[in-house]
PDB file of all heavy atoms in Angstrom:
ATOM      1  N   ALA A   1       0.835  -1.199   0.000  1.00  0.00           N
ATOM      2  CA  ALA A   1       0.000   0.000   0.000  1.00  0.00           C
ATOM      3  C   ALA A   1       0.870   1.248   0.000  1.00  0.00           C
ATOM      4  O   ALA A   1       1.950   1.261   0.594  1.00  0.00           O
ATOM      5  CB  ALA A   1      -0.900   0.021   1.229  1.00  0.00           C
ATOM      6  N   ASN A   2       0.377   2.293  -0.670  1.00  0.00           N
ATOM      7  CA  ASN A   2       1.050   3.596  -0.614  1.00  0.00           C
ATOM      8  C   ASN A   2       1.035   4.157   0.793  1.00  0.00           C
ATOM      9  O   ASN A   2       1.948   4.850   1.203  1.00  0.00           O
ATOM     10  CB  ASN A   2       0.374   4.601  -1.548  1.00  0.00           C
ATOM     11  CG  ASN A   2       0.748   4.395  -2.989  1.00  0.00           C
ATOM     12  OD1 ASN A   2       1.809   3.858  -3.300  1.00  0.00           O
ATOM     13  ND2 ASN A   2      -0.126   4.813  -3.882  1.00  0.00           N
ATOM     14  N   ASN A   3      -0.045   3.865   1.528  1.00  0.00           N
ATOM     15  CA  ASN A   3      -0.174   4.332   2.909  1.00  0.00           C
ATOM     16  C   ASN A   3      -0.863   3.226   3.699  1.00  0.00           C
ATOM     17  O   ASN A   3      -2.065   3.015   3.566  1.00  0.00           O
ATOM     18  CB  ASN A   3      -0.983   5.628   2.947  1.00  0.00           C
ATOM     19  CG  ASN A   3      -1.059   6.237   4.327  1.00  0.00           C
ATOM     20  OD1 ASN A   3      -1.296   5.550   5.312  1.00  0.00           O
ATOM     21  ND2 ASN A   3      -0.874   7.545   4.394  1.00  0.00           N
ATOM     22  N   ILE A   4      -0.084   2.512   4.504  1.00  0.00           N
ATOM     23  CA  ILE A   4      -0.610   1.373   5.258  1.00  0.00           C
ATOM     24  C   ILE A   4      -1.790   1.789   6.140  1.00  0.00           C
ATOM     25  O   ILE A   4      -2.816   1.112   6.181  1.00  0.00           O
ATOM     26  CB  ILE A   4       0.501   0.752   6.137  1.00  0.00           C
ATOM     27  CG1 ILE A   4       1.601   0.155   5.264  1.00  0.00           C
ATOM     28  CG2 ILE A   4      -0.054  -0.284   7.096  1.00  0.00           C
ATOM     29  CD1 ILE A   4       1.220  -1.089   4.531  1.00  0.00           C
ATOM     30  N   ASN A   5      -1.665   2.905   6.827  1.00  0.00           N
ATOM     31  CA  ASN A   5      -2.720   3.361   7.717  1.00  0.00           C
ATOM     32  C   ASN A   5      -4.024   3.559   6.955  1.00  0.00           C
ATOM     33  O   ASN A   5      -5.081   3.093   7.378  1.00  0.00           O
ATOM     34  CB  ASN A   5      -2.289   4.653   8.429  1.00  0.00           C
ATOM     35  CG  ASN A   5      -3.247   5.045   9.512  1.00  0.00           C
ATOM     36  OD1 ASN A   5      -4.352   5.492   9.230  1.00  0.00           O
ATOM     37  ND2 ASN A   5      -2.821   4.875  10.759  1.00  0.00           N
ATOM     38  N   HIS A   6      -3.973   4.221   5.812  1.00  0.00           N
ATOM     39  CA  HIS A   6      -5.188   4.459   5.020  1.00  0.00           C
ATOM     40  C   HIS A   6      -5.757   3.159   4.465  1.00  0.00           C
ATOM     41  O   HIS A   6      -6.973   2.994   4.401  1.00  0.00           O
ATOM     42  CB  HIS A   6      -4.913   5.442   3.890  1.00  0.00           C
ATOM     43  CG  HIS A   6      -4.708   6.838   4.379  1.00  0.00           C
ATOM     44  ND1 HIS A   6      -4.585   7.912   3.535  1.00  0.00           N
ATOM     45  CD2 HIS A   6      -4.590   7.350   5.623  1.00  0.00           C
ATOM     46  CE1 HIS A   6      -4.403   9.021   4.241  1.00  0.00           C
ATOM     47  NE2 HIS A   6      -4.400   8.693   5.503  1.00  0.00           N
ATOM     48  N   ARG A   7      -4.881   2.238   4.041  1.00  0.00           N
ATOM     49  CA  ARG A   7      -5.347   0.968   3.478  1.00  0.00           C
ATOM     50  C   ARG A   7      -6.210   0.215   4.485  1.00  0.00           C
ATOM     51  O   ARG A   7      -7.201  -0.405   4.136  1.00  0.00           O
ATOM     52  CB  ARG A   7      -4.145   0.125   3.069  1.00  0.00           C
ATOM     53  CG  ARG A   7      -4.421  -1.328   2.674  1.00  0.00           C
ATOM     54  CD  ARG A   7      -5.197  -1.499   1.372  1.00  0.00           C
ATOM     55  NE  ARG A   7      -4.665  -0.778   0.263  1.00  0.00           N
ATOM     56  CZ  ARG A   7      -3.795  -1.221  -0.628  1.00  0.00           C
ATOM     57  NH1 ARG A   7      -3.329  -2.434  -0.529  1.00  0.00           N
ATOM     58  NH2 ARG A   7      -3.391  -0.468  -1.615  1.00  0.00           N
ATOM     59  N   PHE A   8      -5.851   0.277   5.751  1.00  0.00           N
ATOM     60  CA  PHE A   8      -6.549  -0.503   6.762  1.00  0.00           C
ATOM     61  C   PHE A   8      -7.708   0.222   7.423  1.00  0.00           C
ATOM     62  O   PHE A   8      -8.466  -0.393   8.172  1.00  0.00           O
ATOM     63  CB  PHE A   8      -5.554  -1.013   7.815  1.00  0.00           C
ATOM     64  CG  PHE A   8      -4.776  -2.197   7.322  1.00  0.00           C
ATOM     65  CD1 PHE A   8      -3.605  -2.016   6.614  1.00  0.00           C
ATOM     66  CD2 PHE A   8      -5.234  -3.481   7.540  1.00  0.00           C
ATOM     67  CE1 PHE A   8      -2.889  -3.099   6.138  1.00  0.00           C
ATOM     68  CE2 PHE A   8      -4.529  -4.576   7.074  1.00  0.00           C
ATOM     69  CZ  PHE A   8      -3.352  -4.388   6.367  1.00  0.00           C
ATOM     70  N   GLU A   9      -7.914   1.514   7.144  1.00  0.00           N
ATOM     71  CA  GLU A   9      -9.058   2.227   7.721  1.00  0.00           C
ATOM     72  C   GLU A   9     -10.378   1.561   7.351  1.00  0.00           C
ATOM     73  O   GLU A   9     -11.245   1.366   8.202  1.00  0.00           O
ATOM     74  CB  GLU A   9      -9.064   3.690   7.267  1.00  0.00           C
ATOM     75  CG  GLU A   9      -8.088   4.557   8.005  1.00  0.00           C
ATOM     76  CD  GLU A   9      -8.100   5.997   7.488  1.00  0.00           C
ATOM     77  OE1 GLU A   9      -8.867   6.328   6.551  1.00  0.00           O
ATOM     78  OE2 GLU A   9      -7.331   6.796   8.033  1.00  0.00           O
ATOM     79  N   GLU A  10     -10.549   1.226   6.070  1.00  0.00           N
ATOM     80  CA  GLU A  10     -11.788   0.582   5.624  1.00  0.00           C
ATOM     81  C   GLU A  10     -11.935  -0.803   6.229  1.00  0.00           C
ATOM     82  O   GLU A  10     -13.039  -1.240   6.529  1.00  0.00           O
ATOM     83  CB  GLU A  10     -11.839   0.507   4.094  1.00  0.00           C
ATOM     84  CG  GLU A  10     -12.024   1.855   3.433  1.00  0.00           C
ATOM     85  CD  GLU A  10     -13.309   2.547   3.874  1.00  0.00           C
ATOM     86  OE1 GLU A  10     -14.364   1.891   3.941  1.00  0.00           O
ATOM     87  OE2 GLU A  10     -13.256   3.760   4.162  1.00  0.00           O
ATOM     88  N   ARG A  11     -10.830  -1.494   6.402  1.00  0.00           N
ATOM     89  CA  ARG A  11     -10.895  -2.826   7.010  1.00  0.00           C
ATOM     90  C   ARG A  11     -11.380  -2.731   8.459  1.00  0.00           C
ATOM     91  O   ARG A  11     -12.174  -3.560   8.903  1.00  0.00           O
ATOM     92  CB  ARG A  11      -9.541  -3.500   6.915  1.00  0.00           C
ATOM     93  CG  ARG A  11      -9.200  -3.890   5.479  1.00  0.00           C
ATOM     94  CD  ARG A  11      -7.850  -4.563   5.404  1.00  0.00           C
ATOM     95  NE  ARG A  11      -7.657  -5.161   4.096  1.00  0.00           N
ATOM     96  CZ  ARG A  11      -6.918  -4.645   3.139  1.00  0.00           C
ATOM     97  NH1 ARG A  11      -6.289  -3.511   3.333  1.00  0.00           N
ATOM     98  NH2 ARG A  11      -6.796  -5.253   1.988  1.00  0.00           N
ATOM     99  N   LEU A  12     -10.906  -1.733   9.179  1.00  0.00           N
ATOM    100  CA  LEU A  12     -11.377  -1.549  10.555  1.00  0.00           C
ATOM    101  C   LEU A  12     -12.865  -1.234  10.585  1.00  0.00           C
ATOM    102  O   LEU A  12     -13.604  -1.722  11.432  1.00  0.00           O
ATOM    103  CB  LEU A  12     -10.610  -0.430  11.249  1.00  0.00           C
ATOM    104  CG  LEU A  12      -9.246  -0.767  11.808  1.00  0.00           C
ATOM    105  CD1 LEU A  12      -8.675   0.420  12.565  1.00  0.00           C
ATOM    106  CD2 LEU A  12      -9.290  -1.975  12.704  1.00  0.00           C
ATOM    107  N   ARG A  13     -13.292  -0.412   9.654  1.00  0.00           N
ATOM    108  CA  ARG A  13     -14.715  -0.050   9.583  1.00  0.00           C
ATOM    109  C   ARG A  13     -15.554  -1.312   9.346  1.00  0.00           C
ATOM    110  O   ARG A  13     -16.583  -1.516   9.994  1.00  0.00           O
ATOM    111  CB  ARG A  13     -14.940   0.969   8.468  1.00  0.00           C
ATOM    112  CG  ARG A  13     -16.332   1.555   8.470  1.00  0.00           C
ATOM    113  CD  ARG A  13     -16.475   2.729   7.504  1.00  0.00           C
ATOM    114  NE  ARG A  13     -15.636   3.837   7.948  1.00  0.00           N
ATOM    115  CZ  ARG A  13     -14.645   4.374   7.217  1.00  0.00           C
ATOM    116  NH1 ARG A  13     -14.394   3.933   6.011  1.00  0.00           N
ATOM    117  NH2 ARG A  13     -13.937   5.373   7.689  1.00  0.00           N
ATOM    118  N   ALA A  14     -15.093  -2.184   8.456  1.00  0.00           N
ATOM    119  CA  ALA A  14     -15.825  -3.427   8.188  1.00  0.00           C
ATOM    120  C   ALA A  14     -15.859  -4.327   9.415  1.00  0.00           C
ATOM    121  O   ALA A  14     -16.895  -4.929   9.717  1.00  0.00           O
ATOM    122  CB  ALA A  14     -15.189  -4.163   7.006  1.00  0.00           C
ATOM    123  N   VAL A  15     -14.761  -4.412  10.140  1.00  0.00           N
ATOM    124  CA  VAL A  15     -14.717  -5.231  11.357  1.00  0.00           C
ATOM    125  C   VAL A  15     -15.737  -4.711  12.365  1.00  0.00           C
ATOM    126  O   VAL A  15     -16.476  -5.486  12.986  1.00  0.00           O
ATOM    127  CB  VAL A  15     -13.286  -5.243  11.959  1.00  0.00           C
ATOM    128  CG1 VAL A  15     -13.280  -5.808  13.367  1.00  0.00           C
ATOM    129  CG2 VAL A  15     -12.347  -6.045  11.064  1.00  0.00           C
ATOM    130  N   ARG A  16     -15.813  -3.396  12.518  1.00  0.00           N
ATOM    131  CA  ARG A  16     -16.798  -2.812  13.438  1.00  0.00           C
ATOM    132  C   ARG A  16     -18.219  -3.104  12.967  1.00  0.00           C
ATOM    133  O   ARG A  16     -19.077  -3.507  13.749  1.00  0.00           O
ATOM    134  CB  ARG A  16     -16.587  -1.296  13.550  1.00  0.00           C
ATOM    135  CG  ARG A  16     -15.434  -0.898  14.435  1.00  0.00           C
ATOM    136  CD  ARG A  16     -15.431   0.594  14.714  1.00  0.00           C
ATOM    137  NE  ARG A  16     -15.371   1.412  13.515  1.00  0.00           N
ATOM    138  CZ  ARG A  16     -14.244   1.839  12.939  1.00  0.00           C
ATOM    139  NH1 ARG A  16     -13.088   1.525  13.449  1.00  0.00           N
ATOM    140  NH2 ARG A  16     -14.276   2.588  11.863  1.00  0.00           N
ATOM    141  N   GLU A  17     -18.477  -2.873  11.678  1.00  0.00           N
ATOM    142  CA  GLU A  17     -19.832  -3.027  11.154  1.00  0.00           C
ATOM    143  C   GLU A  17     -20.305  -4.476  11.160  1.00  0.00           C
ATOM    144  O   GLU A  17     -21.485  -4.747  11.369  1.00  0.00           O
ATOM    145  CB  GLU A  17     -19.903  -2.439   9.738  1.00  0.00           C
ATOM    146  CG  GLU A  17     -19.785  -0.922   9.742  1.00  0.00           C
ATOM    147  CD  GLU A  17     -19.646  -0.323   8.360  1.00  0.00           C
ATOM    148  OE1 GLU A  17     -19.601  -1.078   7.367  1.00  0.00           O
ATOM    149  OE2 GLU A  17     -19.565   0.922   8.269  1.00  0.00           O
ATOM    150  N   PHE A  18     -19.414  -5.416  10.925  1.00  0.00           N
ATOM    151  CA  PHE A  18     -19.792  -6.824  10.939  1.00  0.00           C
ATOM    152  C   PHE A  18     -19.899  -7.378  12.348  1.00  0.00           C
ATOM    153  O   PHE A  18     -20.407  -8.474  12.548  1.00  0.00           O
ATOM    154  CB  PHE A  18     -18.807  -7.671  10.123  1.00  0.00           C
ATOM    155  CG  PHE A  18     -19.008  -7.554   8.642  1.00  0.00           C
ATOM    156  CD1 PHE A  18     -17.986  -7.089   7.843  1.00  0.00           C
ATOM    157  CD2 PHE A  18     -20.213  -7.913   8.049  1.00  0.00           C
ATOM    158  CE1 PHE A  18     -18.158  -6.980   6.474  1.00  0.00           C
ATOM    159  CE2 PHE A  18     -20.391  -7.804   6.681  1.00  0.00           C
ATOM    160  CZ  PHE A  18     -19.360  -7.338   5.885  1.00  0.00           C
ATOM    161  N   GLY A  19     -19.410  -6.646  13.332  1.00  0.00           N
ATOM    162  CA  GLY A  19     -19.542  -7.074  14.721  1.00  0.00           C
ATOM    163  C   GLY A  19     -18.698  -8.283  15.092  1.00  0.00           C
ATOM    164  O   GLY A  19     -19.148  -9.131  15.866  1.00  0.00           O
ATOM    165  N   PHE A  20     -17.504  -8.374  14.558  1.00  0.00           N
ATOM    166  CA  PHE A  20     -16.628  -9.476  14.920  1.00  0.00           C
ATOM    167  C   PHE A  20     -16.401  -9.498  16.428  1.00  0.00           C
ATOM    168  O   PHE A  20     -16.284  -8.457  17.069  1.00  0.00           O
ATOM    169  CB  PHE A  20     -15.280  -9.368  14.203  1.00  0.00           C
ATOM    170  CG  PHE A  20     -15.357  -9.706  12.744  1.00  0.00           C
ATOM    171  CD1 PHE A  20     -15.381  -8.703  11.795  1.00  0.00           C
ATOM    172  CD2 PHE A  20     -15.399 -11.024  12.334  1.00  0.00           C
ATOM    173  CE1 PHE A  20     -15.451  -9.002  10.449  1.00  0.00           C
ATOM    174  CE2 PHE A  20     -15.464 -11.340  10.983  1.00  0.00           C
ATOM    175  CZ  PHE A  20     -15.493 -10.331  10.042  1.00  0.00           C
ATOM    176  N   ARG A  21     -16.320 -10.693  16.978  1.00  0.00           N
ATOM    177  CA  ARG A  21     -16.100 -10.853  18.410  1.00  0.00           C
ATOM    178  C   ARG A  21     -14.603 -10.776  18.732  1.00  0.00           C
ATOM    179  O   ARG A  21     -13.750 -10.989  17.862  1.00  0.00           O
ATOM    180  CB  ARG A  21     -16.671 -12.181  18.871  1.00  0.00           C
ATOM    181  CG  ARG A  21     -18.191 -12.248  18.699  1.00  0.00           C
ATOM    182  CD  ARG A  21     -18.680 -13.603  19.094  1.00  0.00           C
ATOM    183  NE  ARG A  21     -17.992 -14.611  18.281  1.00  0.00           N
ATOM    184  CZ  ARG A  21     -18.573 -15.611  17.655  1.00  0.00           C
ATOM    185  NH1 ARG A  21     -19.848 -15.785  17.761  1.00  0.00           N
ATOM    186  NH2 ARG A  21     -17.891 -16.460  16.933  1.00  0.00           N
ATOM    187  N   ASN A  22     -14.295 -10.495  19.981  1.00  0.00           N
ATOM    188  CA  ASN A  22     -12.905 -10.377  20.413  1.00  0.00           C
ATOM    189  C   ASN A  22     -12.091 -11.627  20.107  1.00  0.00           C
ATOM    190  O   ASN A  22     -10.944 -11.530  19.677  1.00  0.00           O
ATOM    191  CB  ASN A  22     -12.823 -10.076  21.907  1.00  0.00           C
ATOM    192  CG  ASN A  22     -13.268  -8.668  22.225  1.00  0.00           C
ATOM    193  OD1 ASN A  22     -13.582  -7.882  21.338  1.00  0.00           O
ATOM    194  ND2 ASN A  22     -13.316  -8.358  23.506  1.00  0.00           N
ATOM    195  N   ASN A  23     -12.657 -12.819  20.309  1.00  0.00           N
ATOM    196  CA  ASN A  23     -11.886 -14.035  20.083  1.00  0.00           C
ATOM    197  C   ASN A  23     -11.528 -14.209  18.601  1.00  0.00           C
ATOM    198  O   ASN A  23     -10.550 -14.870  18.277  1.00  0.00           O
ATOM    199  CB  ASN A  23     -12.598 -15.269  20.625  1.00  0.00           C
ATOM    200  CG  ASN A  23     -13.902 -15.564  19.898  1.00  0.00           C
ATOM    201  OD1 ASN A  23     -14.554 -14.663  19.386  1.00  0.00           O
ATOM    202  ND2 ASN A  23     -14.291 -16.828  19.883  1.00  0.00           N
ATOM    203  N   GLU A  24     -12.307 -13.620  17.693  1.00  0.00           N
ATOM    204  CA  GLU A  24     -11.968 -13.662  16.268  1.00  0.00           C
ATOM    205  C   GLU A  24     -10.879 -12.632  15.947  1.00  0.00           C
ATOM    206  O   GLU A  24      -9.949 -12.920  15.200  1.00  0.00           O
ATOM    207  CB  GLU A  24     -13.218 -13.384  15.425  1.00  0.00           C
ATOM    208  CG  GLU A  24     -14.280 -14.438  15.585  1.00  0.00           C
ATOM    209  CD  GLU A  24     -15.636 -13.993  15.078  1.00  0.00           C
ATOM    210  OE1 GLU A  24     -15.991 -12.813  15.256  1.00  0.00           O
ATOM    211  OE2 GLU A  24     -16.327 -14.844  14.512  1.00  0.00           O
TER     212      GLU A  24
END
């Protein structure tokens, strides 16, 4: 990625929205 932080922002948003549990 050109910017690692920006690349993973959307991934974090998806993790929040999908409601992944802590153990996952």
